Protein backbone atom coordinates (compact mmCIF):
# COMPACT_ATOMS: atom_id res chain seq x y z
CA MET A 1 22.27 -3.31 -2.23
CA ASN A 2 20.16 -6.16 -0.93
CA LYS A 3 20.12 -7.39 2.65
CA ARG A 4 19.28 -10.92 3.70
CA VAL A 5 16.69 -11.33 6.45
CA THR A 6 15.88 -14.54 8.25
CA ILE A 7 12.56 -15.01 9.98
CA GLU A 8 11.14 -17.87 11.97
CA MET A 9 7.52 -18.82 11.48
CA PRO A 10 5.31 -21.72 12.49
CA ASP A 11 5.24 -24.65 10.07
CA GLU A 12 1.57 -23.98 9.32
CA MET A 13 2.34 -20.41 8.25
CA MET A 14 5.23 -21.53 6.05
CA LYS A 15 2.98 -24.09 4.42
CA LEU A 16 0.50 -21.31 3.59
CA VAL A 17 3.28 -19.14 2.17
CA GLU A 18 4.40 -22.02 -0.04
CA GLU A 19 0.83 -22.72 -1.18
CA TYR A 20 0.08 -19.05 -1.97
CA ALA A 21 3.42 -18.65 -3.71
CA ALA A 22 2.72 -21.70 -5.87
CA GLU A 23 -0.73 -20.33 -6.76
CA ALA A 24 0.93 -17.04 -7.74
CA GLY A 25 3.57 -18.88 -9.76
CA SER A 26 6.33 -17.55 -7.56
CA ALA A 27 9.03 -18.87 -5.28
CA PRO A 28 8.26 -18.51 -1.57
CA ASP A 29 11.01 -15.94 -0.97
CA ALA A 30 9.90 -13.79 -3.93
CA TYR A 31 6.29 -14.11 -2.79
CA MET A 32 7.19 -12.97 0.73
CA ARG A 33 9.05 -9.95 -0.70
CA GLU A 34 5.95 -9.04 -2.71
CA VAL A 35 3.67 -9.45 0.32
CA ILE A 36 5.92 -7.29 2.50
CA GLU A 37 6.27 -4.65 -0.21
CA GLN A 38 2.50 -4.49 -0.69
CA HIS A 39 1.96 -4.21 3.06
CA LEU A 40 4.46 -1.35 3.32
CA GLU A 41 2.74 0.44 0.41
CA ASP A 42 -0.61 -0.04 2.16
CA LEU A 43 0.78 1.44 5.39
CA HIS A 44 2.08 4.44 3.44
CA ASP A 45 -1.31 4.94 1.77
CA ILE A 46 -3.10 4.68 5.12
CA ALA A 47 -0.77 7.29 6.64
CA LEU A 48 -1.47 9.66 3.72
CA ALA A 49 -5.22 9.12 4.07
CA GLU A 50 -5.10 9.72 7.83
CA ALA A 51 -3.14 12.94 7.27
CA ALA A 52 -5.69 14.08 4.68
CA MET A 53 -8.56 13.31 7.07
CA GLU A 54 -6.84 15.31 9.79
CA ARG A 55 -6.48 18.28 7.43
CA LEU A 56 -10.19 18.04 6.58
CA LYS A 57 -11.11 17.90 10.28
CA ASN A 58 -9.01 21.03 10.79
CA GLY A 59 -11.02 22.88 8.15
CA GLU A 60 -8.80 22.68 5.09
CA ARG A 61 -10.71 23.84 2.02
CA THR A 62 -11.76 21.21 -0.50
CA TYR A 63 -12.89 21.69 -4.07
CA THR A 64 -15.29 19.91 -6.37
CA TRP A 65 -13.93 18.79 -9.72
CA GLU A 66 -15.80 21.65 -11.41
CA GLU A 67 -14.40 24.20 -8.95
CA MET A 68 -10.90 22.91 -9.57
CA GLU A 69 -11.35 23.19 -13.35
CA ARG A 70 -12.53 26.78 -13.01
CA GLU A 71 -9.69 27.58 -10.61
CA VAL A 72 -6.98 26.34 -12.97
CA GLY A 73 -8.77 27.49 -16.13
CA VAL A 74 -9.39 24.19 -17.89
CA GLU A 75 -13.17 24.25 -18.16
CA ASP A 76 -14.70 22.54 -21.17
């Protein structure tokens, strides 16, 4: 189910949205959805990377590609 959201933005920002959407061959509302979706995906990726960095700082063991291959038994 979709929800409608209304946002207010300065005229200058809306003009940029319209220009970027036109360059992308998209309607402004579809373009904004894509921008928001990409931003949310980026935030998710950043959170995963930060969690991985924290695990490394706490001493979690890492493996080289070759070590991983030996560990799982797929060496060439």
